Amino acid sequence: MESNAEGEEPKPLMSWKEKFEGQWRKTKEHAETYPYVWASYIVVYGGLAVYTTYRWRKLRKTEDRVRVLQARLRKLVEAEESSVKVTSSQGFPSAQSSVDEASK
């Protein structure tokens, strides 16, 4: 901890509001003094945000298309499996048994 050996008075603690206002004041003065620096920050980081948003939305759209295609494929596979079950339950010889008979 700090010692007050030289007889200095302890500095009062600043509230968070006072700290925020002080930092805001410094930032505002800096922005007024160096407007081109701040403009370049806005252009660079704004462009980065726009690009990131664009890529994020494109990724989401691609994922949605893939989900739709997967659902369609799943339905096709289920329909094919059910048609194979129906033909095998009707007593038709399967392709494998006809191949076995032909090889004999």
PDB file of N, CA and C in Angstrom:
ATOM      1  N   MET A   1       0.827  -1.161   0.000  1.00  0.00           N
ATOM      2  CA  MET A   1       0.000   0.000   0.000  1.00  0.00           C
ATOM      3  C   MET A   1       0.885   1.244   0.000  1.00  0.00           C
ATOM      4  N   GLU A   2       0.271   2.363  -0.358  1.00  0.00           N
ATOM      5  CA  GLU A   2       1.023   3.609  -0.410  1.00  0.00           C
ATOM      6  C   GLU A   2       1.158   4.196   0.998  1.00  0.00           C
ATOM      7  N   SER A   3       2.289   4.811   1.225  1.00  0.00           N
ATOM      8  CA  SER A   3       2.478   5.471   2.522  1.00  0.00           C
ATOM      9  C   SER A   3       2.480   6.972   2.296  1.00  0.00           C
ATOM     10  N   ASN A   4       1.964   7.689   3.246  1.00  0.00           N
ATOM     11  CA  ASN A   4       1.918   9.135   3.165  1.00  0.00           C
ATOM     12  C   ASN A   4       3.011   9.736   4.044  1.00  0.00           C
ATOM     13  N   ALA A   5       4.253   9.351   3.791  1.00  0.00           N
ATOM     14  CA  ALA A   5       5.366   9.797   4.613  1.00  0.00           C
ATOM     15  C   ALA A   5       5.669  11.278   4.419  1.00  0.00           C
ATOM     16  N   GLU A   6       5.392  11.827   3.273  1.00  0.00           N
ATOM     17  CA  GLU A   6       5.719  13.214   2.998  1.00  0.00           C
ATOM     18  C   GLU A   6       4.600  14.158   3.393  1.00  0.00           C
ATOM     19  N   GLY A   7       3.563  13.635   4.003  1.00  0.00           N
ATOM     20  CA  GLY A   7       2.475  14.476   4.459  1.00  0.00           C
ATOM     21  C   GLY A   7       1.485  14.827   3.359  1.00  0.00           C
ATOM     22  N   GLU A   8       1.506  14.076   2.269  1.00  0.00           N
ATOM     23  CA  GLU A   8       0.557  14.335   1.199  1.00  0.00           C
ATOM     24  C   GLU A   8      -0.827  13.849   1.612  1.00  0.00           C
ATOM     25  N   GLU A   9      -1.809  14.556   1.130  1.00  0.00           N
ATOM     26  CA  GLU A   9      -3.168  14.119   1.397  1.00  0.00           C
ATOM     27  C   GLU A   9      -3.531  13.011   0.405  1.00  0.00           C
ATOM     28  N   PRO A  10      -4.242  12.011   0.846  1.00  0.00           N
ATOM     29  CA  PRO A  10      -4.640  10.954  -0.100  1.00  0.00           C
ATOM     30  C   PRO A  10      -5.634  11.513  -1.122  1.00  0.00           C
ATOM     31  N   LYS A  11      -5.480  11.059  -2.363  1.00  0.00           N
ATOM     32  CA  LYS A  11      -6.376  11.510  -3.414  1.00  0.00           C
ATOM     33  C   LYS A  11      -7.717  10.812  -3.255  1.00  0.00           C
ATOM     34  N   PRO A  12      -8.780  11.569  -3.369  1.00  0.00           N
ATOM     35  CA  PRO A  12     -10.087  10.921  -3.248  1.00  0.00           C
ATOM     36  C   PRO A  12     -10.339  10.033  -4.468  1.00  0.00           C
ATOM     37  N   LEU A  13     -10.996   8.936  -4.223  1.00  0.00           N
ATOM     38  CA  LEU A  13     -11.311   8.028  -5.307  1.00  0.00           C
ATOM     39  C   LEU A  13     -12.392   8.634  -6.194  1.00  0.00           C
ATOM     40  N   MET A  14     -12.177   8.500  -7.490  1.00  0.00           N
ATOM     41  CA  MET A  14     -13.148   9.032  -8.432  1.00  0.00           C
ATOM     42  C   MET A  14     -14.237   7.989  -8.667  1.00  0.00           C
ATOM     43  N   SER A  15     -15.435   8.469  -8.853  1.00  0.00           N
ATOM     44  CA  SER A  15     -16.513   7.537  -9.165  1.00  0.00           C
ATOM     45  C   SER A  15     -16.369   7.106 -10.623  1.00  0.00           C
ATOM     46  N   TRP A  16     -17.054   6.076 -10.986  1.00  0.00           N
ATOM     47  CA  TRP A  16     -16.953   5.569 -12.351  1.00  0.00           C
ATOM     48  C   TRP A  16     -17.488   6.586 -13.338  1.00  0.00           C
ATOM     49  N   LYS A  17     -18.469   7.376 -12.912  1.00  0.00           N
ATOM     50  CA  LYS A  17     -19.028   8.386 -13.807  1.00  0.00           C
ATOM     51  C   LYS A  17     -17.992   9.472 -14.108  1.00  0.00           C
ATOM     52  N   GLU A  18     -17.275   9.889 -13.090  1.00  0.00           N
ATOM     53  CA  GLU A  18     -16.242  10.916 -13.285  1.00  0.00           C
ATOM     54  C   GLU A  18     -15.119  10.390 -14.161  1.00  0.00           C
ATOM     55  N   LYS A  19     -14.734   9.137 -13.960  1.00  0.00           N
ATOM     56  CA  LYS A  19     -13.700   8.531 -14.805  1.00  0.00           C
ATOM     57  C   LYS A  19     -14.153   8.471 -16.254  1.00  0.00           C
ATOM     58  N   PHE A  20     -15.389   8.060 -16.448  1.00  0.00           N
ATOM     59  CA  PHE A  20     -15.931   7.962 -17.801  1.00  0.00           C
ATOM     60  C   PHE A  20     -15.980   9.327 -18.472  1.00  0.00           C
ATOM     61  N   GLU A  21     -16.440  10.340 -17.741  1.00  0.00           N
ATOM     62  CA  GLU A  21     -16.518  11.681 -18.312  1.00  0.00           C
ATOM     63  C   GLU A  21     -15.135  12.224 -18.643  1.00  0.00           C
ATOM     64  N   GLY A  22     -14.157  11.958 -17.781  1.00  0.00           N
ATOM     65  CA  GLY A  22     -12.787  12.397 -18.051  1.00  0.00           C
ATOM     66  C   GLY A  22     -12.205  11.734 -19.282  1.00  0.00           C
ATOM     67  N   GLN A  23     -12.426  10.443 -19.413  1.00  0.00           N
ATOM     68  CA  GLN A  23     -11.941   9.720 -20.591  1.00  0.00           C
ATOM     69  C   GLN A  23     -12.662  10.193 -21.842  1.00  0.00           C
ATOM     70  N   TRP A  24     -13.950  10.456 -21.730  1.00  0.00           N
ATOM     71  CA  TRP A  24     -14.722  10.957 -22.872  1.00  0.00           C
ATOM     72  C   TRP A  24     -14.193  12.312 -23.319  1.00  0.00           C
ATOM     73  N   ARG A  25     -13.886  13.173 -22.360  1.00  0.00           N
ATOM     74  CA  ARG A  25     -13.353  14.500 -22.666  1.00  0.00           C
ATOM     75  C   ARG A  25     -12.017  14.388 -23.397  1.00  0.00           C
ATOM     76  N   LYS A  26     -11.140  13.507 -22.915  1.00  0.00           N
ATOM     77  CA  LYS A  26      -9.834  13.310 -23.570  1.00  0.00           C
ATOM     78  C   LYS A  26     -10.014  12.802 -24.998  1.00  0.00           C
ATOM     79  N   THR A  27     -10.904  11.842 -25.156  1.00  0.00           N
ATOM     80  CA  THR A  27     -11.142  11.275 -26.486  1.00  0.00           C
ATOM     81  C   THR A  27     -11.720  12.316 -27.424  1.00  0.00           C
ATOM     82  N   LYS A  28     -12.635  13.119 -26.936  1.00  0.00           N
ATOM     83  CA  LYS A  28     -13.243  14.160 -27.757  1.00  0.00           C
ATOM     84  C   LYS A  28     -12.205  15.190 -28.195  1.00  0.00           C
ATOM     85  N   GLU A  29     -11.336  15.584 -27.266  1.00  0.00           N
ATOM     86  CA  GLU A  29     -10.277  16.539 -27.615  1.00  0.00           C
ATOM     87  C   GLU A  29      -9.334  15.938 -28.660  1.00  0.00           C
ATOM     88  N   HIS A  30      -9.004  14.692 -28.503  1.00  0.00           N
ATOM     89  CA  HIS A  30      -8.111  14.025 -29.453  1.00  0.00           C
ATOM     90  C   HIS A  30      -8.759  13.947 -30.831  1.00  0.00           C
ATOM     91  N   ALA A  31     -10.058  13.641 -30.867  1.00  0.00           N
ATOM     92  CA  ALA A  31     -10.769  13.550 -32.144  1.00  0.00           C
ATOM     93  C   ALA A  31     -10.843  14.915 -32.823  1.00  0.00           C
ATOM     94  N   GLU A  32     -10.994  15.964 -32.035  1.00  0.00           N
ATOM     95  CA  GLU A  32     -11.035  17.316 -32.617  1.00  0.00           C
ATOM     96  C   GLU A  32      -9.653  17.747 -33.089  1.00  0.00           C
ATOM     97  N   THR A  33      -8.627  17.286 -32.404  1.00  0.00           N
ATOM     98  CA  THR A  33      -7.259  17.665 -32.783  1.00  0.00           C
ATOM     99  C   THR A  33      -6.791  16.901 -34.010  1.00  0.00           C
ATOM    100  N   TYR A  34      -7.121  15.612 -34.101  1.00  0.00           N
ATOM    101  CA  TYR A  34      -6.668  14.754 -35.195  1.00  0.00           C
ATOM    102  C   TYR A  34      -7.856  14.127 -35.934  1.00  0.00           C
ATOM    103  N   PRO A  35      -8.607  14.915 -36.704  1.00  0.00           N
ATOM    104  CA  PRO A  35      -9.802  14.362 -37.343  1.00  0.00           C
ATOM    105  C   PRO A  35      -9.496  13.318 -38.413  1.00  0.00           C
ATOM    106  N   TYR A  36      -8.364  13.457 -39.104  1.00  0.00           N
ATOM    107  CA  TYR A  36      -8.052  12.496 -40.166  1.00  0.00           C
ATOM    108  C   TYR A  36      -7.735  11.119 -39.602  1.00  0.00           C
ATOM    109  N   VAL A  37      -7.122  11.079 -38.444  1.00  0.00           N
ATOM    110  CA  VAL A  37      -6.831   9.797 -37.797  1.00  0.00           C
ATOM    111  C   VAL A  37      -8.144   9.089 -37.464  1.00  0.00           C
ATOM    112  N   TRP A  38      -9.066   9.833 -36.897  1.00  0.00           N
ATOM    113  CA  TRP A  38     -10.349   9.247 -36.515  1.00  0.00           C
ATOM    114  C   TRP A  38     -11.179   8.865 -37.740  1.00  0.00           C
ATOM    115  N   ALA A  39     -11.081   9.654 -38.787  1.00  0.00           N
ATOM    116  CA  ALA A  39     -11.789   9.304 -40.019  1.00  0.00           C
ATOM    117  C   ALA A  39     -11.243   8.002 -40.599  1.00  0.00           C
ATOM    118  N   SER A  40      -9.919   7.838 -40.537  1.00  0.00           N
ATOM    119  CA  SER A  40      -9.339   6.594 -41.054  1.00  0.00           C
ATOM    120  C   SER A  40      -9.755   5.405 -40.195  1.00  0.00           C
ATOM    121  N   TYR A  41      -9.860   5.607 -38.866  1.00  0.00           N
ATOM    122  CA  TYR A  41     -10.362   4.532 -38.000  1.00  0.00           C
ATOM    123  C   TYR A  41     -11.766   4.119 -38.426  1.00  0.00           C
ATOM    124  N   ILE A  42     -12.605   5.120 -38.671  1.00  0.00           N
ATOM    125  CA  ILE A  42     -13.994   4.834 -39.038  1.00  0.00           C
ATOM    126  C   ILE A  42     -14.046   4.092 -40.367  1.00  0.00           C
ATOM    127  N   VAL A  43     -13.247   4.531 -41.326  1.00  0.00           N
ATOM    128  CA  VAL A  43     -13.256   3.886 -42.643  1.00  0.00           C
ATOM    129  C   VAL A  43     -12.760   2.442 -42.541  1.00  0.00           C
ATOM    130  N   VAL A  44     -11.641   2.244 -41.859  1.00  0.00           N
ATOM    131  CA  VAL A  44     -11.051   0.905 -41.779  1.00  0.00           C
ATOM    132  C   VAL A  44     -11.947  -0.041 -40.982  1.00  0.00           C
ATOM    133  N   TYR A  45     -12.307   0.344 -39.771  1.00  0.00           N
ATOM    134  CA  TYR A  45     -13.093  -0.559 -38.934  1.00  0.00           C
ATOM    135  C   TYR A  45     -14.537  -0.663 -39.407  1.00  0.00           C
ATOM    136  N   GLY A  46     -15.067   0.396 -39.988  1.00  0.00           N
ATOM    137  CA  GLY A  46     -16.405   0.327 -40.577  1.00  0.00           C
ATOM    138  C   GLY A  46     -16.425  -0.617 -41.765  1.00  0.00           C
ATOM    139  N   GLY A  47     -15.394  -0.520 -42.614  1.00  0.00           N
ATOM    140  CA  GLY A  47     -15.297  -1.437 -43.748  1.00  0.00           C
ATOM    141  C   GLY A  47     -15.146  -2.875 -43.299  1.00  0.00           C
ATOM    142  N   LEU A  48     -14.358  -3.084 -42.254  1.00  0.00           N
ATOM    143  CA  LEU A  48     -14.194  -4.433 -41.717  1.00  0.00           C
ATOM    144  C   LEU A  48     -15.522  -4.982 -41.185  1.00  0.00           C
ATOM    145  N   ALA A  49     -16.281  -4.118 -40.524  1.00  0.00           N
ATOM    146  CA  ALA A  49     -17.582  -4.550 -39.996  1.00  0.00           C
ATOM    147  C   ALA A  49     -18.549  -4.879 -41.129  1.00  0.00           C
ATOM    148  N   VAL A  50     -18.551  -4.061 -42.182  1.00  0.00           N
ATOM    149  CA  VAL A  50     -19.434  -4.322 -43.320  1.00  0.00           C
ATOM    150  C   VAL A  50     -19.052  -5.636 -43.991  1.00  0.00           C
ATOM    151  N   TYR A  51     -17.755  -5.857 -44.204  1.00  0.00           N
ATOM    152  CA  TYR A  51     -17.296  -7.092 -44.839  1.00  0.00           C
ATOM    153  C   TYR A  51     -17.646  -8.309 -43.980  1.00  0.00           C
ATOM    154  N   THR A  52     -17.437  -8.208 -42.672  1.00  0.00           N
ATOM    155  CA  THR A  52     -17.748  -9.316 -41.772  1.00  0.00           C
ATOM    156  C   THR A  52     -19.245  -9.624 -41.796  1.00  0.00           C
ATOM    157  N   THR A  53     -20.058  -8.581 -41.790  1.00  0.00           N
ATOM    158  CA  THR A  53     -21.510  -8.772 -41.848  1.00  0.00           C
ATOM    159  C   THR A  53     -21.914  -9.443 -43.151  1.00  0.00           C
ATOM    160  N   TYR A  54     -21.321  -9.003 -44.252  1.00  0.00           N
ATOM    161  CA  TYR A  54     -21.617  -9.590 -45.558  1.00  0.00           C
ATOM    162  C   TYR A  54     -21.273 -11.074 -45.576  1.00  0.00           C
ATOM    163  N   ARG A  55     -20.085 -11.425 -45.114  1.00  0.00           N
ATOM    164  CA  ARG A  55     -19.661 -12.829 -45.122  1.00  0.00           C
ATOM    165  C   ARG A  55     -20.525 -13.668 -44.181  1.00  0.00           C
ATOM    166  N   TRP A  56     -20.900 -13.108 -43.025  1.00  0.00           N
ATOM    167  CA  TRP A  56     -21.731 -13.821 -42.055  1.00  0.00           C
ATOM    168  C   TRP A  56     -23.088 -14.154 -42.672  1.00  0.00           C
ATOM    169  N   ARG A  57     -23.697 -13.161 -43.321  1.00  0.00           N
ATOM    170  CA  ARG A  57     -25.001 -13.392 -43.939  1.00  0.00           C
ATOM    171  C   ARG A  57     -24.896 -14.400 -45.069  1.00  0.00           C
ATOM    172  N   LYS A  58     -23.822 -14.321 -45.853  1.00  0.00           N
ATOM    173  CA  LYS A  58     -23.636 -15.272 -46.947  1.00  0.00           C
ATOM    174  C   LYS A  58     -23.475 -16.693 -46.397  1.00  0.00           C
ATOM    175  N   LEU A  59     -22.740 -16.827 -45.304  1.00  0.00           N
ATOM    176  CA  LEU A  59     -22.566 -18.132 -44.664  1.00  0.00           C
ATOM    177  C   LEU A  59     -23.903 -18.670 -44.178  1.00  0.00           C
ATOM    178  N   ARG A  60     -24.700 -17.824 -43.552  1.00  0.00           N
ATOM    179  CA  ARG A  60     -26.015 -18.257 -43.063  1.00  0.00           C
ATOM    180  C   ARG A  60     -26.905 -18.715 -44.219  1.00  0.00           C
ATOM    181  N   LYS A  61     -26.907 -17.988 -45.326  1.00  0.00           N
ATOM    182  CA  LYS A  61     -27.717 -18.373 -46.480  1.00  0.00           C
ATOM    183  C   LYS A  61     -27.247 -19.709 -47.042  1.00  0.00           C
ATOM    184  N   THR A  62     -25.924 -19.908 -47.091  1.00  0.00           N
ATOM    185  CA  THR A  62     -25.386 -21.179 -47.583  1.00  0.00           C
ATOM    186  C   THR A  62     -25.798 -22.321 -46.666  1.00  0.00           C
ATOM    187  N   GLU A  63     -25.723 -22.103 -45.361  1.00  0.00           N
ATOM    188  CA  GLU A  63     -26.128 -23.140 -44.418  1.00  0.00           C
ATOM    189  C   GLU A  63     -27.610 -23.485 -44.580  1.00  0.00           C
ATOM    190  N   ASP A  64     -28.430 -22.470 -44.818  1.00  0.00           N
ATOM    191  CA  ASP A  64     -29.853 -22.730 -45.019  1.00  0.00           C
ATOM    192  C   ASP A  64     -30.089 -23.562 -46.275  1.00  0.00           C
ATOM    193  N   ARG A  65     -29.378 -23.232 -47.353  1.00  0.00           N
ATOM    194  CA  ARG A  65     -29.520 -24.009 -48.588  1.00  0.00           C
ATOM    195  C   ARG A  65     -29.079 -25.452 -48.369  1.00  0.00           C
ATOM    196  N   VAL A  66     -27.999 -25.657 -47.636  1.00  0.00           N
ATOM    197  CA  VAL A  66     -27.508 -27.012 -47.367  1.00  0.00           C
ATOM    198  C   VAL A  66     -28.530 -27.787 -46.548  1.00  0.00           C
ATOM    199  N   ARG A  67     -29.145 -27.137 -45.561  1.00  0.00           N
ATOM    200  CA  ARG A  67     -30.167 -27.819 -44.757  1.00  0.00           C
ATOM    201  C   ARG A  67     -31.343 -28.259 -45.617  1.00  0.00           C
ATOM    202  N   VAL A  68     -31.778 -27.389 -46.537  1.00  0.00           N
ATOM    203  CA  VAL A  68     -32.886 -27.739 -47.424  1.00  0.00           C
ATOM    204  C   VAL A  68     -32.500 -28.923 -48.308  1.00  0.00           C
ATOM    205  N   LEU A  69     -31.295 -28.898 -48.861  1.00  0.00           N
ATOM    206  CA  LEU A  69     -30.839 -30.000 -49.714  1.00  0.00           C
ATOM    207  C   LEU A  69     -30.719 -31.298 -48.931  1.00  0.00           C
ATOM    208  N   GLN A  70     -30.228 -31.211 -47.691  1.00  0.00           N
ATOM    209  CA  GLN A  70     -30.125 -32.413 -46.864  1.00  0.00           C
ATOM    210  C   GLN A  70     -31.504 -32.991 -46.565  1.00  0.00           C
ATOM    211  N   ALA A  71     -32.475 -32.132 -46.312  1.00  0.00           N
ATOM    212  CA  ALA A  71     -33.834 -32.617 -46.044  1.00  0.00           C
ATOM    213  C   ALA A  71     -34.416 -33.293 -47.288  1.00  0.00           C
ATOM    214  N   ARG A  72     -34.193 -32.698 -48.470  1.00  0.00           N
ATOM    215  CA  ARG A  72     -34.677 -33.315 -49.706  1.00  0.00           C
ATOM    216  C   ARG A  72     -34.014 -34.663 -49.934  1.00  0.00           C
ATOM    217  N   LEU A  73     -32.710 -34.737 -49.708  1.00  0.00           N
ATOM    218  CA  LEU A  73     -31.985 -35.989 -49.891  1.00  0.00           C
ATOM    219  C   LEU A  73     -32.481 -37.042 -48.900  1.00  0.00           C
ATOM    220  N   ARG A  74     -32.706 -36.629 -47.657  1.00  0.00           N
ATOM    221  CA  ARG A  74     -33.205 -37.563 -46.650  1.00  0.00           C
ATOM    222  C   ARG A  74     -34.562 -38.131 -47.072  1.00  0.00           C
ATOM    223  N   LYS A  75     -35.443 -37.279 -47.601  1.00  0.00           N
ATOM    224  CA  LYS A  75     -36.749 -37.754 -48.060  1.00  0.00           C
ATOM    225  C   LYS A  75     -36.605 -38.729 -49.225  1.00  0.00           C
ATOM    226  N   LEU A  76     -35.691 -38.432 -50.152  1.00  0.00           N
ATOM    227  CA  LEU A  76     -35.475 -39.341 -51.281  1.00  0.00           C
ATOM    228  C   LEU A  76     -34.969 -40.704 -50.818  1.00  0.00           C
ATOM    229  N   VAL A  77     -34.039 -40.691 -49.876  1.00  0.00           N
ATOM    230  CA  VAL A  77     -33.493 -41.955 -49.363  1.00  0.00           C
ATOM    231  C   VAL A  77     -34.583 -42.743 -48.648  1.00  0.00           C
ATOM    232  N   GLU A  78     -35.407 -42.053 -47.843  1.00  0.00           N
ATOM    233  CA  GLU A  78     -36.490 -42.753 -47.154  1.00  0.00           C
ATOM    234  C   GLU A  78     -37.490 -43.332 -48.148  1.00  0.00           C
ATOM    235  N   ALA A  79     -37.799 -42.594 -49.199  1.00  0.00           N
ATOM    236  CA  ALA A  79     -38.728 -43.092 -50.214  1.00  0.00           C
ATOM    237  C   ALA A  79     -38.138 -44.300 -50.927  1.00  0.00           C
ATOM    238  N   GLU A  80     -36.848 -44.258 -51.230  1.00  0.00           N
ATOM    239  CA  GLU A  80     -36.193 -45.384 -51.896  1.00  0.00           C
ATOM    240  C   GLU A  80     -36.173 -46.606 -50.987  1.00  0.00           C
ATOM    241  N   GLU A  81     -35.863 -46.404 -49.702  1.00  0.00           N
ATOM    242  CA  GLU A  81     -35.835 -47.526 -48.762  1.00  0.00           C
ATOM    243  C   GLU A  81     -37.222 -48.140 -48.602  1.00  0.00           C
ATOM    244  N   SER A  82     -38.250 -47.304 -48.553  1.00  0.00           N
ATOM    245  CA  SER A  82     -39.599 -47.840 -48.398  1.00  0.00           C
ATOM    246  C   SER A  82     -40.038 -48.586 -49.655  1.00  0.00           C
ATOM    247  N   SER A  83     -39.608 -48.115 -50.832  1.00  0.00           N
ATOM    248  CA  SER A  83     -39.964 -48.838 -52.059  1.00  0.00           C
ATOM    249  C   SER A  83     -39.232 -50.172 -52.136  1.00  0.00           C
ATOM    250  N   VAL A  84     -38.005 -50.236 -51.627  1.00  0.00           N
ATOM    251  CA  VAL A  84     -37.261 -51.499 -51.603  1.00  0.00           C
ATOM    252  C   VAL A  84     -37.932 -52.462 -50.635  1.00  0.00           C
ATOM    253  N   LYS A  85     -38.411 -51.979 -49.506  1.00  0.00           N
ATOM    254  CA  LYS A  85     -39.092 -52.835 -48.535  1.00  0.00           C
ATOM    255  C   LYS A  85     -40.402 -53.363 -49.107  1.00  0.00           C
ATOM    256  N   VAL A  86     -41.112 -52.506 -49.841  1.00  0.00           N
ATOM    257  CA  VAL A  86     -42.387 -52.931 -50.430  1.00  0.00           C
ATOM    258  C   VAL A  86     -42.153 -54.014 -51.470  1.00  0.00           C
ATOM    259  N   THR A  87     -41.159 -53.846 -52.338  1.00  0.00           N
ATOM    260  CA  THR A  87     -40.902 -54.854 -53.381  1.00  0.00           C
ATOM    261  C   THR A  87     -40.406 -56.152 -52.764  1.00  0.00           C
ATOM    262  N   SER A  88     -39.623 -56.089 -51.714  1.00  0.00           N
ATOM    263  CA  SER A  88     -39.129 -57.323 -51.106  1.00  0.00           C
ATOM    264  C   SER A  88     -40.240 -58.030 -50.338  1.00  0.00           C
ATOM    265  N   SER A  89     -41.197 -57.273 -49.808  1.00  0.00           N
ATOM    266  CA  SER A  89     -42.298 -57.908 -49.080  1.00  0.00           C
ATOM    267  C   SER A  89     -43.347 -58.486 -50.023  1.00  0.00           C
ATOM    268  N   GLN A  90     -43.357 -58.081 -51.297  1.00  0.00           N
ATOM    269  CA  GLN A  90     -44.325 -58.604 -52.255  1.00  0.00           C
ATOM    270  C   GLN A  90     -43.890 -59.940 -52.835  1.00  0.00           C
ATOM    271  N   GLY A  91     -42.726 -60.376 -52.529  1.00  0.00           N
ATOM    272  CA  GLY A  91     -42.291 -61.685 -52.960  1.00  0.00           C
ATOM    273  C   GLY A  91     -41.478 -61.679 -54.238  1.00  0.00           C
ATOM    274  N   PHE A  92     -41.141 -60.539 -54.741  1.00  0.00           N
ATOM    275  CA  PHE A  92     -40.285 -60.479 -55.918  1.00  0.00           C
ATOM    276  C   PHE A  92     -38.880 -60.883 -55.527  1.00  0.00           C
ATOM    277  N   PRO A  93     -38.188 -61.617 -56.374  1.00  0.00           N
ATOM    278  CA  PRO A  93     -36.816 -62.000 -56.030  1.00  0.00           C
ATOM    279  C   PRO A  93     -35.929 -60.758 -56.023  1.00  0.00           C
ATOM    280  N   SER A  94     -35.060 -60.706 -55.052  1.00  0.00           N
ATOM    281  CA  SER A  94     -34.165 -59.557 -54.973  1.00  0.00           C
ATOM    282  C   SER A  94     -33.068 -59.685 -56.011  1.00  0.00           C
ATOM    283  N   ALA A  95     -32.381 -58.620 -56.254  1.00  0.00           N
ATOM    284  CA  ALA A  95     -31.324 -58.623 -57.257  1.00  0.00           C
ATOM    285  C   ALA A  95     -30.205 -59.577 -56.841  1.00  0.00           C
ATOM    286  N   GLN A  96     -29.925 -59.665 -55.561  1.00  0.00           N
ATOM    287  CA  GLN A  96     -28.842 -60.509 -55.080  1.00  0.00           C
ATOM    288  C   GLN A  96     -29.176 -61.980 -55.308  1.00  0.00           C
ATOM    289  N   SER A  97     -30.411 -62.393 -55.069  1.00  0.00           N
ATOM    290  CA  SER A  97     -30.745 -63.813 -55.252  1.00  0.00           C
ATOM    291  C   SER A  97     -30.729 -64.196 -56.726  1.00  0.00           C
ATOM    292  N   SER A  98     -31.100 -63.276 -57.621  1.00  0.00           N
ATOM    293  CA  SER A  98     -31.038 -63.590 -59.051  1.00  0.00           C
ATOM    294  C   SER A  98     -29.584 -63.689 -59.505  1.00  0.00           C
ATOM    295  N   VAL A  99     -28.708 -62.921 -58.923  1.00  0.00           N
ATOM    296  CA  VAL A  99     -27.286 -63.007 -59.258  1.00  0.00           C
ATOM    297  C   VAL A  99     -26.717 -64.337 -58.772  1.00  0.00           C
ATOM    298  N   ASP A 100     -27.140 -64.766 -57.571  1.00  0.00           N
ATOM    299  CA  ASP A 100     -26.677 -66.052 -57.034  1.00  0.00           C
ATOM    300  C   ASP A 100     -27.139 -67.216 -57.917  1.00  0.00           C
ATOM    301  N   GLU A 101     -28.369 -67.140 -58.398  1.00  0.00           N
ATOM    302  CA  GLU A 101     -28.893 -68.217 -59.237  1.00  0.00           C
ATOM    303  C   GLU A 101     -28.172 -68.236 -60.583  1.00  0.00           C
ATOM    304  N   ALA A 102     -27.824 -67.099 -61.124  1.00  0.00           N
ATOM    305  CA  ALA A 102     -27.151 -67.039 -62.417  1.00  0.00           C
ATOM    306  C   ALA A 102     -25.734 -67.568 -62.312  1.00  0.00           C
ATOM    307  N   SER A 103     -25.106 -67.433 -61.189  1.00  0.00           N
ATOM    308  CA  SER A 103     -23.722 -67.897 -61.057  1.00  0.00           C
ATOM    309  C   SER A 103     -23.645 -69.421 -60.885  1.00  0.00           C
ATOM    310  N   LYS A 104     -24.761 -70.089 -60.555  1.00  0.00           N
ATOM    311  CA  LYS A 104     -24.746 -71.538 -60.332  1.00  0.00           C
ATOM    312  C   LYS A 104     -24.727 -72.285 -61.600  1.00  0.00           C
TER     313      LYS A 104
END
